[in-house]
């Protein structure tokens, strides 16, 4: 177990380093500059570049950036919030994005597993047809369209819920964003759960358990659910990262002060440090999610780590 986890952790660290290098190179060769204001003369731009070390050779800048990052220093914002540490900007916005993303994932995953298991266990042809239609529609419709629908009917027409996010009332004002983002999770998770549960239900060991008189509830909780959930774990982990990186439009629609709006502003202003930090954070979330899936696979099925040793 320890050897398996060490190998996965080392691979994750190497992957993150390569991602950071690629991101740094891409931003360095990106056209434009953080100091694009027409009010600045070429001499003033040169002074600013020297002040922030942007005139130094690329390898030197990368080594210095990595060294500062290891000490928790992500640099400062060049143009969005001049000389404000990027870590301060992230500290104020990242928890909002993570909270809404995690809540959307949990709600969507729980409902999706329940719906998928129910559809797999149902023998009604009508139920399966309705289920297939709803899941296909749920996967096909973008979350921002659901957000528009909710904003118009639940927010504007009926005035049941606030139209904009309010940090002082996060629960009520997060309902529409969470529902919009969790809809795709319900559709995807239920689809995978139904397919995996259907495969397990048709297996020989489930048939044997039923022939031996094991109760239906025991068969579901002891055999069907545990053996159906492993492939779904991978999907759930990837959906979590997708929710946090793909929530940009939702954050803009509901005025959520998260990282989506910050990234959009940073790209428009060529604020290299903010773009690099956010891109690296998103990449780290993805790698951590994959690592967490590997660990869960180890805990659920020891054959995974035994085959890797």
Protein backbone atom coordinates (compact mmCIF):
# COMPACT_ATOMS: atom_id res chain seq x y z
CA UNK A 1 0.00 0.00 0.00
CA UNK A 2 2.77 2.46 0.96
CA UNK A 3 4.80 1.66 -2.15
CA UNK A 4 1.74 2.13 -4.37
CA UNK A 5 0.87 5.50 -2.83
CA UNK A 6 4.47 6.74 -3.00
CA UNK A 7 4.64 5.91 -6.70
CA UNK A 8 1.37 7.72 -7.37
CA UNK A 9 2.45 10.73 -5.31
CA UNK A 10 5.82 11.00 -7.08
CA UNK A 11 4.12 10.76 -10.48
CA UNK A 12 1.68 13.50 -9.45
CA UNK A 13 4.49 15.84 -8.36
CA UNK A 14 6.38 15.31 -11.64
CA UNK A 15 3.18 15.91 -13.61
CA UNK A 16 2.50 19.15 -11.75
CA UNK A 17 6.05 20.37 -12.41
CA UNK A 18 5.70 19.66 -16.14
CA UNK A 19 2.33 21.44 -16.20
CA UNK A 20 3.83 24.47 -14.47
CA UNK A 21 6.69 24.57 -16.98
CA UNK A 22 4.32 24.37 -19.96
CA UNK A 23 2.04 27.06 -18.52
CA UNK A 24 5.01 29.34 -17.85
CA UNK A 25 6.31 28.93 -21.40
CA UNK A 26 2.90 29.51 -22.97
CA UNK A 27 2.36 32.71 -21.01
CA UNK A 28 5.87 33.93 -21.78
CA UNK A 29 5.30 33.60 -25.52
CA UNK A 30 1.76 34.98 -25.38
CA UNK A 31 1.45 38.26 -27.31
CA UNK A 32 0.86 41.44 -25.40
CA UNK A 33 2.03 42.67 -22.03
CA UNK A 34 0.51 43.39 -18.62
CA UNK A 35 1.38 47.02 -19.25
CA UNK A 36 -0.62 47.81 -22.37
CA UNK A 37 -1.97 51.16 -21.30
CA UNK A 38 -1.57 53.84 -23.95
CA UNK A 39 -0.71 56.30 -21.18
CA UNK A 40 2.57 54.50 -20.58
CA UNK A 41 5.60 55.48 -22.62
CA UNK A 42 8.09 52.82 -23.81
CA UNK A 43 10.51 54.02 -21.13
CA UNK A 44 7.89 53.57 -18.40
CA UNK A 45 7.05 50.08 -19.70
CA UNK A 46 10.74 49.20 -19.61
CA UNK A 47 10.96 50.42 -16.01
CA UNK A 48 7.94 48.30 -15.02
CA UNK A 49 9.35 45.23 -16.75
CA UNK A 50 12.60 45.69 -14.87
CA UNK A 51 10.77 46.24 -11.59
CA UNK A 52 8.89 42.94 -11.87
CA UNK A 53 11.76 41.01 -13.44
CA UNK A 54 10.02 40.51 -16.78
CA UNK A 55 13.16 41.60 -18.61
CA UNK A 56 15.21 38.75 -17.18
CA UNK A 57 16.02 35.58 -19.19
CA UNK A 58 13.23 32.99 -19.25
CA UNK A 59 15.10 30.20 -17.39
CA UNK A 60 16.04 32.61 -14.60
CA UNK A 61 12.45 33.79 -14.26
CA UNK A 62 11.14 30.23 -14.14
CA UNK A 63 13.60 29.10 -11.48
CA UNK A 64 12.80 32.16 -9.38
CA UNK A 65 9.05 31.62 -9.78
CA UNK A 66 9.28 27.96 -8.73
CA UNK A 67 11.43 28.89 -5.74
CA UNK A 68 8.93 31.55 -4.65
CA UNK A 69 6.01 29.19 -5.19
CA UNK A 70 7.56 26.58 -2.92
CA UNK A 71 7.62 29.27 -0.24
CA UNK A 72 3.95 30.11 -0.82
CA UNK A 73 4.63 33.24 -2.87
CA UNK A 74 2.61 33.30 -6.11
CA UNK A 75 3.76 36.77 -7.08
CA UNK A 76 1.71 39.94 -7.30
CA UNK A 77 -0.97 41.15 -9.65
CA UNK A 78 0.39 43.45 -12.34
CA UNK A 79 -2.77 45.18 -13.52
CA UNK A 80 -5.98 43.83 -11.97
CA UNK A 81 -5.07 44.88 -8.46
CA UNK A 82 -1.64 46.44 -8.68
CA UNK A 83 0.95 44.92 -6.31
CA UNK A 84 -1.68 42.85 -4.50
CA UNK A 85 -0.36 39.33 -3.76
CA UNK A 86 -2.03 36.73 -5.97
CA UNK A 87 -2.47 34.50 -2.91
CA UNK A 88 -4.66 37.22 -1.38
CA UNK A 89 -6.84 37.35 -4.50
CA UNK A 90 -7.21 33.56 -4.49
CA UNK A 91 -7.88 33.44 -0.76
CA UNK A 92 -10.89 35.67 -1.20
CA UNK A 93 -12.35 33.92 -4.25
CA UNK A 94 -11.26 30.28 -4.32
CA UNK A 95 -13.33 29.16 -1.28
CA UNK A 96 -16.51 30.45 -2.93
CA UNK A 97 -15.87 28.50 -6.13
CA UNK A 98 -14.85 25.34 -4.26
CA UNK A 99 -17.84 25.47 -1.92
CA UNK A 100 -20.41 25.86 -4.69
CA UNK A 101 -18.67 23.21 -6.79
CA UNK A 102 -18.46 20.66 -3.96
CA UNK A 103 -22.07 21.22 -2.88
CA UNK A 104 -23.24 20.86 -6.49
CA UNK A 105 -21.23 17.64 -6.84
CA UNK A 106 -22.51 16.07 -3.61
CA UNK A 107 -26.14 16.84 -4.35
CA UNK A 108 -25.84 15.75 -7.97
CA UNK A 109 -23.92 12.57 -7.14
CA UNK A 110 -26.35 11.43 -4.42
CA UNK A 111 -29.38 12.04 -6.63
CA UNK A 112 -27.64 10.54 -9.65
CA UNK A 113 -26.69 7.31 -7.86
CA UNK A 114 -30.21 6.95 -6.48
CA UNK A 115 -31.84 7.60 -9.86
CA UNK A 116 -29.41 5.34 -11.70
CA UNK A 117 -29.88 2.45 -9.27
CA UNK A 118 -33.66 2.87 -9.38
CA UNK A 119 -33.66 2.79 -13.18
CA UNK A 120 -31.41 -0.28 -13.25
CA UNK A 121 -33.62 -2.16 -10.77
CA UNK A 122 -36.88 -1.16 -12.44
CA UNK A 123 -38.50 -3.66 -14.79
CA UNK A 124 -40.91 -1.13 -16.27
CA UNK A 125 -40.23 -0.36 -19.91
CA UNK A 126 -41.92 3.03 -19.62
CA UNK A 127 -39.68 4.00 -16.70
CA UNK A 128 -36.56 3.11 -18.66
CA UNK A 129 -37.70 5.06 -21.72
CA UNK A 130 -38.46 8.16 -19.62
CA UNK A 131 -35.16 7.75 -17.80
CA UNK A 132 -33.17 7.53 -21.06
CA UNK A 133 -34.87 10.63 -22.46
CA UNK A 134 -34.28 12.67 -19.30
CA UNK A 135 -30.61 11.69 -18.97
CA UNK A 136 -29.89 12.41 -22.63
CA UNK A 137 -31.55 15.82 -22.30
CA UNK A 138 -29.68 16.48 -19.03
CA UNK A 139 -26.32 15.70 -20.62
CA UNK A 140 -27.05 17.66 -23.81
CA UNK A 141 -28.34 20.89 -22.24
CA UNK A 142 -25.56 23.23 -21.04
CA UNK A 143 -25.73 24.38 -17.45
CA UNK A 144 -26.02 28.03 -18.46
CA UNK A 145 -29.31 27.32 -20.27
CA UNK A 146 -30.69 25.78 -17.09
CA UNK A 147 -29.43 28.86 -15.23
CA UNK A 148 -31.25 31.15 -17.67
CA UNK A 149 -34.46 29.16 -17.25
CA UNK A 150 -34.22 29.28 -13.46
CA UNK A 151 -33.32 32.96 -13.43
CA UNK A 152 -36.35 33.85 -15.53
CA UNK A 153 -38.99 31.70 -13.86
CA UNK A 154 -37.77 31.23 -10.28
CA UNK A 155 -35.93 34.53 -9.98
CA UNK A 156 -37.67 37.08 -12.18
CA UNK A 157 -41.17 35.79 -12.95
CA UNK A 158 -42.09 34.23 -9.60
CA UNK A 159 -39.49 35.98 -7.41
CA UNK A 160 -38.97 32.85 -5.35
CA UNK A 161 -35.20 33.20 -5.22
CA UNK A 162 -32.69 36.09 -5.45
CA UNK A 163 -31.29 36.68 -8.92
CA UNK A 164 -27.76 37.50 -7.72
CA UNK A 165 -25.40 35.88 -5.27
CA UNK A 166 -24.99 37.58 -1.90
CA UNK A 167 -22.02 36.66 0.29
CA UNK A 168 -24.04 37.65 3.35
CA UNK A 169 -26.81 35.16 2.46
CA UNK A 170 -24.85 32.38 0.73
CA UNK A 171 -27.33 29.53 1.23
CA UNK A 172 -30.43 31.08 -0.36
CA UNK A 173 -28.53 32.87 -3.12
CA UNK A 174 -26.60 29.70 -4.02
CA UNK A 175 -29.69 27.59 -4.76
CA UNK A 176 -30.02 28.50 -8.44
CA UNK A 177 -26.28 28.20 -9.23
CA UNK A 178 -26.09 24.85 -7.43
CA UNK A 179 -29.16 23.48 -9.20
CA UNK A 180 -27.82 24.66 -12.57
CA UNK A 181 -24.44 23.01 -12.03
CA UNK A 182 -25.68 19.81 -10.38
CA UNK A 183 -28.08 18.96 -13.25
CA UNK A 184 -25.25 17.67 -15.46
CA UNK A 185 -23.86 15.70 -12.51
CA UNK A 186 -27.21 13.98 -11.96
CA UNK A 187 -27.46 13.03 -15.63
CA UNK A 188 -23.89 11.74 -16.02
CA UNK A 189 -23.66 9.91 -12.68
CA UNK A 190 -27.08 8.28 -13.06
CA UNK A 191 -26.18 7.14 -16.57
CA UNK A 192 -22.94 5.48 -15.46
CA UNK A 193 -24.56 4.04 -12.32
CA UNK A 194 -27.41 2.53 -14.32
CA UNK A 195 -25.07 0.92 -16.85
CA UNK A 196 -22.73 -0.50 -14.20
CA UNK A 197 -25.61 -1.67 -11.99
CA UNK A 198 -27.24 -3.37 -14.98
CA UNK A 199 -24.02 -5.24 -15.67
CA UNK A 200 -23.71 -6.32 -12.02
CA UNK A 201 -27.38 -7.38 -11.81
CA UNK A 202 -26.83 -9.71 -14.77
CA UNK A 203 -23.73 -11.29 -13.18
CA UNK A 204 -23.61 -14.87 -11.94
CA UNK A 205 -22.90 -14.06 -8.28
CA UNK A 206 -25.99 -11.86 -8.01
CA UNK A 207 -28.08 -14.59 -9.61
CA UNK A 208 -26.60 -17.11 -7.17
CA UNK A 209 -27.39 -14.86 -4.19
CA UNK A 210 -30.99 -14.55 -5.32
CA UNK A 211 -31.28 -18.32 -5.80
CA UNK A 212 -30.03 -18.81 -2.26
CA UNK A 213 -32.90 -16.71 -0.93
CA UNK A 214 -30.92 -13.61 0.01
CA UNK A 215 -33.28 -10.66 0.48
CA UNK A 216 -33.50 -8.04 -2.26
CA UNK A 217 -32.27 -5.26 0.04
CA UNK A 218 -29.22 -7.31 1.04
CA UNK A 219 -28.42 -8.11 -2.58
CA UNK A 220 -28.59 -4.41 -3.45
CA UNK A 221 -26.52 -3.13 -0.50
CA UNK A 222 -23.95 -5.94 -0.36
CA UNK A 223 -23.47 -6.92 -3.99
CA UNK A 224 -24.96 -4.52 -6.53
CA UNK A 225 -24.19 -1.10 -5.02
CA UNK A 226 -20.52 -1.70 -3.95
CA UNK A 227 -19.61 -3.32 -7.28
CA UNK A 228 -21.36 -0.62 -9.29
CA UNK A 229 -19.86 2.34 -7.49
CA UNK A 230 -16.15 1.93 -8.37
CA UNK A 231 -16.32 3.12 -12.00
CA UNK A 232 -18.62 5.94 -10.88
CA UNK A 233 -15.97 7.24 -8.45
CA UNK A 234 -13.73 8.17 -11.37
CA UNK A 235 -16.54 10.07 -13.07
CA UNK A 236 -17.43 11.92 -9.86
CA UNK A 237 -13.82 13.03 -9.33
CA UNK A 238 -13.55 14.35 -12.87
CA UNK A 239 -16.91 16.10 -12.58
CA UNK A 240 -15.72 17.93 -9.47
CA UNK A 241 -12.83 19.49 -11.36
CA UNK A 242 -15.10 20.21 -14.31
CA UNK A 243 -17.58 22.02 -12.08
CA UNK A 244 -14.91 24.29 -10.63
CA UNK A 245 -13.17 25.01 -13.92
CA UNK A 246 -16.32 25.19 -16.01
CA UNK A 247 -18.37 27.38 -13.70
CA UNK A 248 -17.14 30.57 -15.33
CA UNK A 249 -20.42 31.37 -17.10
CA UNK A 250 -22.51 30.50 -14.05
CA UNK A 251 -20.40 32.77 -11.87
CA UNK A 252 -20.82 35.60 -14.34
CA UNK A 253 -24.59 35.12 -14.58
CA UNK A 254 -25.20 35.15 -10.82
CA UNK A 255 -22.42 37.65 -9.96
CA UNK A 256 -20.57 35.09 -7.86
CA UNK A 257 -17.20 36.46 -6.66
CA UNK A 258 -15.31 33.29 -7.56
CA UNK A 259 -12.24 32.40 -9.59
CA UNK A 260 -14.12 32.27 -12.90
CA UNK A 261 -14.59 36.02 -13.09
CA UNK A 262 -11.05 36.57 -11.84
CA UNK A 263 -9.58 34.37 -14.57
CA UNK A 264 -11.60 36.15 -17.26
CA UNK A 265 -10.40 39.53 -16.07
CA UNK A 266 -6.80 38.33 -15.80
CA UNK A 267 -6.79 37.00 -19.37
CA UNK A 268 -8.21 40.29 -20.68
CA UNK A 269 -5.55 42.27 -18.81
CA UNK A 270 -2.64 39.87 -19.56
CA UNK A 271 -2.01 39.60 -15.82
CA UNK A 272 0.50 36.75 -16.08
CA UNK A 273 0.83 35.87 -12.41
CA UNK A 274 -2.92 35.60 -11.86
CA UNK A 275 -3.41 33.50 -15.01
CA UNK A 276 -0.50 31.22 -14.11
CA UNK A 277 -1.63 30.77 -10.51
CA UNK A 278 -5.25 29.99 -11.41
CA UNK A 279 -4.28 27.63 -14.23
CA UNK A 280 -1.89 25.81 -11.92
CA UNK A 281 -4.52 25.58 -9.17
CA UNK A 282 -7.02 24.06 -11.61
CA UNK A 283 -4.38 21.60 -12.84
CA UNK A 284 -3.48 20.70 -9.25
CA UNK A 285 -7.15 20.04 -8.49
CA UNK A 286 -7.30 17.67 -11.44
CA UNK A 287 -4.16 15.81 -10.37
CA UNK A 288 -5.35 15.62 -6.75
CA UNK A 289 -8.69 14.23 -7.93
CA UNK A 290 -6.91 11.51 -9.92
CA UNK A 291 -4.69 10.72 -6.92
CA UNK A 292 -7.74 10.52 -4.65
CA UNK A 293 -9.38 8.08 -7.09
CA UNK A 294 -6.26 5.90 -7.03
CA UNK A 295 -6.32 5.87 -3.22
CA UNK A 296 -10.02 5.02 -3.13
CA UNK A 297 -9.46 2.20 -5.60
CA UNK A 298 -6.77 0.84 -3.27
CA UNK A 299 -9.09 0.97 -0.28
CA UNK A 300 -12.07 -0.51 -2.08
CA UNK A 301 -10.29 -3.12 -4.19
CA UNK A 302 -6.85 -4.37 -3.00
CA UNK A 303 -6.34 -6.07 -6.38
CA UNK A 304 -5.59 -2.65 -7.86
CA UNK A 305 -2.47 -2.07 -5.80
CA UNK A 306 -1.44 -5.73 -5.95
CA UNK A 307 -1.44 -5.64 -9.76
CA UNK A 308 0.67 -2.48 -9.69
CA UNK A 309 3.32 -3.78 -7.29
